[in-house]
Every structure is written in structure tokens, then in C-alpha cells.
Protein backbone atom coordinates (compact mmCIF):
# COMPACT_ATOMS: atom_id res chain seq x y z
CA MET A 1 107.36 98.69 88.88
CA ASN A 2 108.00 101.40 86.36
CA GLU A 3 104.49 102.55 85.60
CA SER A 4 105.28 105.28 83.18
CA GLY A 5 107.42 103.16 80.90
CA THR A 6 110.76 104.30 82.23
CA PRO A 7 113.42 101.68 81.44
CA THR A 8 115.74 100.65 84.26
CA MET A 9 118.88 98.79 83.29
CA LEU A 10 119.99 96.08 85.68
CA ASP A 11 123.37 96.73 87.20
CA ARG A 12 124.60 94.04 89.60
CA SER A 13 128.27 94.68 89.22
CA GLY A 14 128.48 97.77 91.45
CA PRO A 15 127.51 98.35 95.07
CA ALA A 16 123.91 98.81 96.08
CA HIS A 17 122.53 102.29 95.57
CA CYS A 18 122.74 104.47 98.67
CA THR A 19 119.61 106.58 98.45
CA VAL A 20 118.54 109.35 100.77
CA CYS A 21 116.01 106.97 102.35
CA CYS A 22 118.36 104.11 103.08
CA CYS A 23 121.92 105.30 103.78
CA THR A 24 121.53 105.26 107.56
CA LEU A 25 119.64 103.08 110.02
CA ALA A 26 117.50 106.05 111.07
CA ASN A 27 116.50 106.70 107.46
CA LYS A 28 115.66 103.03 106.94
CA ILE A 29 113.45 103.00 110.04
CA LEU A 30 111.68 106.17 108.92
CA MET A 31 111.16 104.68 105.45
CA VAL A 32 109.60 101.50 106.83
CA LEU A 33 107.46 103.51 109.25
CA PHE A 34 106.24 105.62 106.34
CA MET A 35 105.35 102.48 104.38
CA VAL A 36 103.46 100.97 107.31
CA LEU A 37 101.49 104.19 107.91
CA LEU A 38 100.75 104.36 104.20
CA VAL A 39 99.31 100.83 104.23
CA ILE A 40 97.10 101.72 107.21
CA ALA A 41 95.90 104.93 105.54
CA ILE A 42 95.16 103.19 102.22
CA LEU A 43 93.28 100.30 103.82
CA PHE A 44 91.29 102.48 106.23
CA GLY A 45 90.40 105.18 103.72
CA ASN A 46 89.35 102.91 100.89
CA LEU A 47 87.46 100.45 103.11
CA VAL A 48 85.49 103.41 104.44
CA THR A 49 84.83 104.55 100.87
CA LEU A 50 83.59 101.11 99.83
CA ALA A 51 81.43 100.81 102.95
CA VAL A 52 79.82 104.20 102.30
CA VAL A 53 79.32 103.71 98.55
CA LEU A 54 78.07 100.12 98.72
CA GLY A 55 76.13 100.51 101.98
CA THR A 56 74.25 103.72 101.15
CA LYS A 57 71.44 103.70 98.60
CA HIS A 58 72.14 107.34 97.70
CA PHE A 59 75.50 106.29 96.21
CA HIS A 60 74.13 103.40 94.14
CA THR A 61 74.60 105.48 91.00
CA PRO A 62 76.98 105.35 88.01
CA GLN A 63 79.22 107.85 89.81
CA GLY A 64 79.13 105.70 92.96
CA TYR A 65 80.08 102.58 90.99
CA LEU A 66 83.06 104.40 89.48
CA LYS A 67 84.18 105.60 92.91
CA ALA A 68 83.93 102.02 94.20
CA SER A 69 86.08 100.81 91.29
CA LEU A 70 88.66 103.48 92.09
CA ALA A 71 88.66 102.44 95.76
CA VAL A 72 89.25 98.78 94.85
CA ALA A 73 92.23 99.74 92.67
CA ASP A 74 93.69 101.83 95.49
CA LEU A 75 92.98 99.06 97.98
CA ALA A 76 94.99 96.60 95.89
CA VAL A 77 98.03 98.88 96.18
CA GLY A 78 97.73 98.79 99.97
CA ILE A 79 97.19 95.02 100.10
CA PHE A 80 99.79 93.80 97.60
CA VAL A 81 102.25 96.46 96.45
CA VAL A 82 103.37 98.34 99.58
CA PRO A 83 103.48 95.28 101.92
CA LEU A 84 105.99 93.55 99.61
CA SER A 85 108.31 96.55 99.91
CA ILE A 86 107.85 96.52 103.70
CA TYR A 87 108.75 92.82 103.84
CA ALA A 88 111.87 93.29 101.71
CA GLU A 89 113.11 96.28 103.67
CA VAL A 90 112.38 94.82 107.13
CA TYR A 91 114.15 91.58 106.17
CA LEU A 92 117.15 93.57 104.98
CA MET A 93 117.31 95.53 108.25
CA ALA A 94 116.79 92.48 110.47
CA THR A 95 119.29 90.16 108.79
CA ASP A 96 121.61 92.65 107.12
CA SER A 97 121.24 90.59 103.95
CA ALA A 98 118.86 90.99 101.04
CA LEU A 99 116.32 88.44 99.88
CA GLU A 100 117.43 86.51 96.81
CA TRP A 101 114.65 87.81 94.59
CA THR A 102 115.68 91.42 95.33
CA LEU A 103 119.13 90.73 93.83
CA TYR A 104 118.03 89.21 90.52
CA ASN A 105 115.41 90.12 87.97
CA SER A 106 112.58 87.86 86.89
CA LYS A 107 114.60 86.37 84.01
CA TYR A 108 116.98 84.66 86.43
CA LEU A 109 114.49 83.11 88.88
CA SER A 110 111.74 80.55 88.28
CA PHE A 111 109.43 82.46 90.61
CA HIS A 112 109.80 86.19 91.21
CA PRO A 113 107.25 88.12 93.35
CA CYS A 114 107.63 91.14 91.08
CA ASN A 115 106.08 89.13 88.24
CA ILE A 116 102.82 89.52 90.16
CA ILE A 117 103.26 92.76 92.10
CA GLY A 118 104.68 94.79 89.20
CA PRO A 119 101.68 94.28 86.88
CA ILE A 120 99.30 94.79 89.83
CA PHE A 121 100.76 98.23 90.53
CA ALA A 122 100.81 99.14 86.83
CA GLY A 123 97.31 97.76 86.23
CA CYS A 124 95.82 99.51 89.25
CA THR A 125 97.40 102.80 88.21
CA PHE A 126 95.95 102.43 84.72
CA VAL A 127 92.56 101.58 86.27
CA SER A 128 92.78 104.74 88.40
CA ILE A 129 93.58 106.91 85.38
CA THR A 130 90.81 105.30 83.32
CA THR A 131 88.28 105.59 86.15
CA ILE A 132 89.06 109.27 86.73
CA PHE A 133 88.61 109.79 82.98
CA LEU A 134 85.22 108.04 83.10
CA LEU A 135 84.20 110.06 86.16
CA THR A 136 85.13 113.22 84.29
CA ILE A 137 83.06 112.16 81.26
CA GLU A 138 80.11 111.32 83.52
CA ARG A 139 80.26 114.69 85.30
CA SER A 140 80.78 116.65 82.07
CA ILE A 141 77.59 115.15 80.62
CA ALA A 142 75.71 116.02 83.82
CA VAL A 143 76.97 119.62 83.61
CA LEU A 144 76.87 120.25 79.86
CA LYS A 145 73.85 118.09 78.91
CA PRO A 146 71.79 117.71 82.10
CA LEU A 147 68.62 116.65 80.23
CA HIS A 148 70.46 113.72 78.62
CA LYS A 149 72.26 112.59 81.78
CA ASP A 150 69.85 109.84 82.86
CA SER A 151 69.44 108.39 79.37
CA VAL A 152 73.12 108.43 78.45
CA ILE A 153 74.66 107.50 81.80
CA THR A 154 73.10 104.28 83.05
CA ARG A 155 74.28 101.83 85.68
CA LYS A 156 74.46 99.01 83.14
CA ARG A 157 76.67 100.99 80.76
CA THR A 158 78.84 102.15 83.63
CA THR A 159 79.31 98.59 84.87
CA ILE A 160 80.37 97.46 81.39
CA LEU A 161 82.84 100.36 81.11
CA ILE A 162 84.29 99.53 84.53
CA ALA A 163 84.81 95.88 83.51
CA LEU A 164 86.44 96.95 80.24
CA SER A 165 88.72 99.39 82.06
CA TRP A 166 89.98 96.64 84.39
CA VAL A 167 90.53 94.13 81.58
CA GLY A 168 92.19 96.69 79.31
CA SER A 169 94.39 98.11 82.07
CA PHE A 170 95.79 94.76 83.13
CA MET A 171 96.29 93.67 79.52
CA LEU A 172 98.36 96.83 79.05
CA ALA A 173 100.25 96.12 82.29
CA VAL A 174 101.42 92.68 81.12
CA SER A 175 101.97 93.68 77.48
CA PRO A 176 105.71 94.49 77.90
CA MET A 177 106.45 90.92 79.00
CA VAL A 178 104.18 89.48 76.30
CA PHE A 179 105.55 91.48 73.37
CA SER A 180 109.21 91.68 74.34
CA GLY A 181 111.58 89.08 75.73
CA GLU A 182 114.00 91.87 76.64
CA ILE A 183 111.86 93.25 79.47
CA ALA A 184 112.08 91.86 82.98
CA LEU A 185 110.80 92.79 86.42
CA GLU A 186 113.06 93.57 89.35
CA TYR A 187 112.98 94.94 92.86
CA ASN A 188 114.67 98.25 92.18
CA SER A 189 117.21 99.41 94.75
CA CYS A 190 116.40 103.06 94.00
CA SER A 191 112.60 103.13 94.12
CA ARG A 192 112.29 100.22 96.62
CA MET A 193 109.51 98.84 94.45
CA CYS A 194 109.00 96.27 91.72
CA ASN A 195 109.97 97.96 88.44
CA TYR A 196 109.96 97.04 84.79
CA ALA A 197 113.55 96.85 83.55
CA GLN A 198 114.83 96.77 79.99
CA ARG A 199 117.85 94.67 79.12
CA THR A 200 118.43 96.24 75.68
CA ILE A 201 117.68 99.64 74.19
CA GLN A 202 115.23 98.06 71.73
CA ALA A 203 112.80 97.46 74.61
CA TRP A 204 112.06 101.19 74.61
CA ASN A 205 109.43 100.72 71.88
CA VAL A 206 107.25 98.49 74.06
CA LEU A 207 107.73 100.45 77.29
CA LEU A 208 106.63 103.66 75.54
CA LEU A 209 103.09 102.21 75.58
CA PHE A 210 102.87 103.21 79.25
CA PRO A 211 103.60 106.95 79.03
CA ALA A 212 101.62 107.23 75.79
CA PHE A 213 98.54 105.78 77.50
CA ASP A 214 99.01 107.78 80.72
CA PHE A 215 99.65 111.16 79.15
CA THR A 216 96.90 110.81 76.52
CA LEU A 217 94.22 109.91 79.06
CA LEU A 218 95.34 112.45 81.67
CA GLY A 219 95.56 115.17 79.03
CA GLY A 220 92.05 114.41 77.82
CA THR A 221 90.79 114.37 81.41
CA LEU A 222 92.27 117.79 82.12
CA VAL A 223 90.78 119.27 78.94
CA ILE A 224 87.30 117.92 79.74
CA ASN A 225 87.57 119.23 83.30
CA ILE A 226 88.52 122.68 82.03
CA ILE A 227 85.48 122.70 79.72
CA SER A 228 83.18 121.58 82.55
CA MET A 229 84.59 124.14 85.00
CA SER A 230 84.17 126.90 82.38
CA SER A 231 80.53 125.91 81.92
CA ILE A 232 79.99 125.91 85.70
CA ARG A 233 81.57 129.36 85.97
CA GLN A 234 79.31 130.72 83.22
CA HIS A 235 76.28 129.19 84.89
CA SER A 236 77.22 130.79 88.21
CA ARG A 237 77.51 134.19 86.58
CA ARG A 238 74.06 133.85 85.02
CA ARG A 239 72.56 132.97 88.39
CA LYS A 240 73.91 136.20 89.82
CA HIS A 241 72.26 138.37 87.17
CA LEU A 242 69.10 136.51 86.24
CA ALA A 243 66.24 135.02 88.23
CA GLU A 244 65.85 131.67 86.54
CA SER A 245 62.37 130.38 85.81
CA GLU A 246 61.38 126.73 86.39
CA CYS A 247 61.66 126.06 82.68
CA GLN A 248 65.11 127.54 82.55
CA SER A 249 66.33 125.71 85.63
CA SER A 250 65.29 122.35 84.19
CA THR A 251 67.88 122.77 81.45
CA LYS A 252 70.65 123.68 83.86
CA PRO A 253 72.83 121.36 85.96
CA THR A 254 71.66 120.89 89.53
CA PHE A 255 73.65 122.14 92.50
CA SER A 256 74.47 118.51 93.33
CA ASP A 257 75.86 117.92 89.83
CA ILE A 258 78.00 121.05 90.07
CA LYS A 259 79.39 120.03 93.47
CA ALA A 260 80.16 116.54 92.16
CA ALA A 261 81.92 117.99 89.09
CA LYS A 262 84.10 120.14 91.34
CA THR A 263 84.93 117.07 93.46
CA ILE A 264 86.01 115.12 90.38
CA GLY A 265 88.03 118.14 89.26
CA THR A 266 89.84 118.15 92.59
CA LEU A 267 90.41 114.39 92.24
CA THR A 268 91.93 114.94 88.80
CA VAL A 269 94.24 117.69 90.03
CA ALA A 270 95.43 115.50 92.94
CA PHE A 271 96.16 112.54 90.66
CA THR A 272 97.90 114.74 88.09
CA ALA A 273 100.07 116.27 90.83
CA SER A 274 101.05 112.81 92.12
CA PHE A 275 101.81 111.60 88.61
CA THR A 276 103.85 114.66 87.55
CA PRO A 277 107.09 113.53 89.29
CA ILE A 278 106.91 110.29 87.30
CA ALA A 279 106.58 112.32 84.09
CA VAL A 280 109.65 114.37 85.06
CA PHE A 281 111.51 111.15 85.87
CA VAL A 282 110.67 109.75 82.41
CA VAL A 283 112.09 112.85 80.71
CA GLY A 284 115.21 112.62 82.85
CA ASN A 285 115.78 108.99 81.88
CA VAL A 286 115.33 109.81 78.21
CA LEU A 287 118.10 112.40 78.61
CA GLY A 288 120.32 109.80 80.30
CA ASN A 289 119.89 110.82 83.95
CA LYS A 290 119.54 108.06 86.57
CA TRP A 291 118.13 110.22 89.38
CA CYS A 292 118.13 107.39 91.92
CA ASN A 293 116.97 109.52 94.86
CA PHE A 294 114.31 111.22 92.78
CA SER A 295 112.93 107.89 91.57
CA PHE A 296 112.20 106.90 95.17
CA PHE A 297 110.17 110.06 95.80
CA ALA A 298 108.47 109.91 92.40
CA PHE A 299 107.14 106.37 92.80
CA TRP A 300 106.14 106.75 96.44
CA ILE A 301 104.36 110.05 95.79
CA LEU A 302 102.33 108.14 93.22
CA ALA A 303 101.65 105.37 95.76
CA THR A 304 100.41 107.90 98.36
CA ASN A 305 97.71 108.98 95.94
CA SER A 306 95.89 105.76 96.86
CA CYS A 307 94.90 107.23 100.24
CA TRP A 308 93.92 110.74 99.11
CA ASN A 309 90.54 109.99 97.53
CA VAL A 310 88.64 109.48 100.77
CA ILE A 311 90.05 112.77 102.08
CA ILE A 312 88.87 114.60 98.97
CA TYR A 313 85.40 113.03 99.21
CA SER A 314 85.16 113.92 102.89
CA VAL A 315 86.12 117.55 102.29
CA ARG A 316 84.13 118.16 99.11
CA ASP A 317 81.07 115.88 99.52
CA GLN A 318 78.88 116.64 102.54
CA LYS A 319 76.70 113.54 102.07
CA PHE A 320 79.74 111.29 101.91
CA ARG A 321 81.16 112.96 105.01
CA LEU A 322 77.91 112.46 106.91
CA CYS A 323 77.64 108.78 105.89
CA ALA A 324 81.27 108.14 106.85
CA TYR A 325 80.68 109.81 110.23
CA LYS A 326 77.62 107.64 110.90
CA LEU A 327 79.60 104.57 109.86
CA LEU A 328 82.36 105.32 112.37
CA MET A 329 80.02 106.40 115.19
CA PRO A 330 79.68 102.87 116.70
CA PHE A 331 83.44 102.79 117.29
CA GLN A 332 83.25 106.18 118.97
CA ARG A 333 80.46 105.00 121.27
CA GLN A 334 82.50 101.97 122.31
CA ASN A 335 85.45 104.19 123.18
CA THR A 336 83.35 106.69 125.14
CA PRO A 337 83.74 106.06 128.90
CA LYS A 338 80.55 105.34 130.79
CA GLU A 339 79.62 107.66 133.62
């Protein structure tokens, strides 16, 4: 699935693309092994996140709800998107022949798995971007307007925003097929994923919705994070030179709010870094470059982002790390040999 709106023209006349991941048997085995490990990492990490957030009262907050929404979006990538690629590649290796639906786009088959998996990957990516944006807004209010935090950021409002983000993201994900009959879905031989593909140059107009949405929201998220980090830096400088009174401290963000803002900032940087190759790939396609090998790395770097969140929480959030450790302790006890 081409998340960023990059058009991919179907070309069935020539031989299959020989990418760096798939030219030799060893490379194919390594690719499938990578996919399998990625599925395990995504499922384990995000199930732990959901268990900690939903099972700990401390995390039953607007921020916790947003983190749970982000974990569900990442979990969907590990349950639906990556396993389909594993199935297609293992079948190709085992039988030395490709599945029928990997040879034709969705316009030529009555049922095409990419009709489901493509929008799921696109929708979940949009949900991730939207959720990180909402997390940034929530943390910026806590840092810049700490006295208004509890009245502005409520669990009810957060729940409504989460629902709207999911509905809006998946509406955007299916919009290319709804508004243009020239856009199909295919299992791309370069990226080894379900991609949106344009059949005519006119389809560009619809596919540009994706990068416009992505870049606008990510750009706004980065700007808000910069403002929040600047405020935190100024606050830290004041603490070094002034002994704050109780009255003064009540108008300042708490240490917990500052730590959480830094965690969300790290989350934003990680997502932006994983999305940057896709942005470069979009520019390359606009200039007429195919970049088959690069497309594989670009899309799978984005997919690996689905397992990074739990690592960031564990490193940056001591309470999350402690809860996750307690959650996994029973398994450690079972594996400890009895004397």
C-alpha cells in the first residue's frame, strides 16, 4: 500500500523486479525472517502496552487512552499487514510460483486481499499520525497552560477525538478508490506490500490527498513539539536561578508533565524518522525515478515503527517500565528453576 500517495504504475509485461531483498534464496530467507520477527515484536510490544495502559489505574487518563489507540493501530499492522506479505513470500519460495492475486491488481480480480489490507495499512498509519498529533496537543496544554489542563483535556473529549480520528483516517484511506476509478490496489513486487497503483496520470490528483494530510499533520506536530520543548527549557533555567514559591509552582507544569512531554517528543521524532524515507520516495517518483530497492526499505522502515513505541515508553517512562516489569514477572517466576 502506498501510504504517502505515491503512484505505482502496473507493469506486467516485463520480468519481475529483482530487488536487493529477493534476488537470491539467502536474501529471500532473510527477508521472511525479518518479517516474522517484526510480527512478533509488534504483537508483543503493543499487547504489553495495552495490558499496562488498560490494566493500571494510573494510566486511565486522556494520555493513556491515546496511547492505547496508538497501540491498537500498530497492532493491526502486525495482525493483518505484515502476515499477508509473509504468506505471499513463503508461498513463492515454497512453490516457485506466485499467488494469482500477486500478479494482478484489484481491477482484474473479483476478490483481492489488497482491497482490505491496503486501506488497513493506510488507515492505521493515518491513525498513528493523528494520535501523535493529539498526544502533542495534550502535552503542550499540560506544559503551556497547566492550570487549564484538567478542564480542557477530559476523558470524554479524548474518547470522542479518538473515535473521530479512526473514522476520518479510514475514510481517507478508502477515498482514492471511491473518488477515482483509475486507482487500484496491487501487491507490489518492489515493496512486497499492498500498494495503491494509478493506471493513468490523472489519478495523481486523488493520491495527493495522502502526502498533503501526512505532511501537514506531521509539520504541525513538530512545530508544537518545538514550542513545548522551548517552554520546558525556559522553565528549567528558571528553576536553576530561582527558588519557586508554592504559588509560583502551581502555575508551572509538574515534573510528570514535563517527562511525558519529552516522551511524546521522542515518539514524534521516531515516527518522523521512519516516515522520512517515504517522503524522499514520493519526491523521487514525482521526478520520474522508480527506486525499486529504495521503496522496499522505505515501506518496511515505516512498518517497523509499529514496534518502537513500547521501547520508547519503557526507556522514557519509569512508571510504565515498572508496570510492564510487574506484568512480565509471572512468566519469569515460571521459568526460574526450583532449588
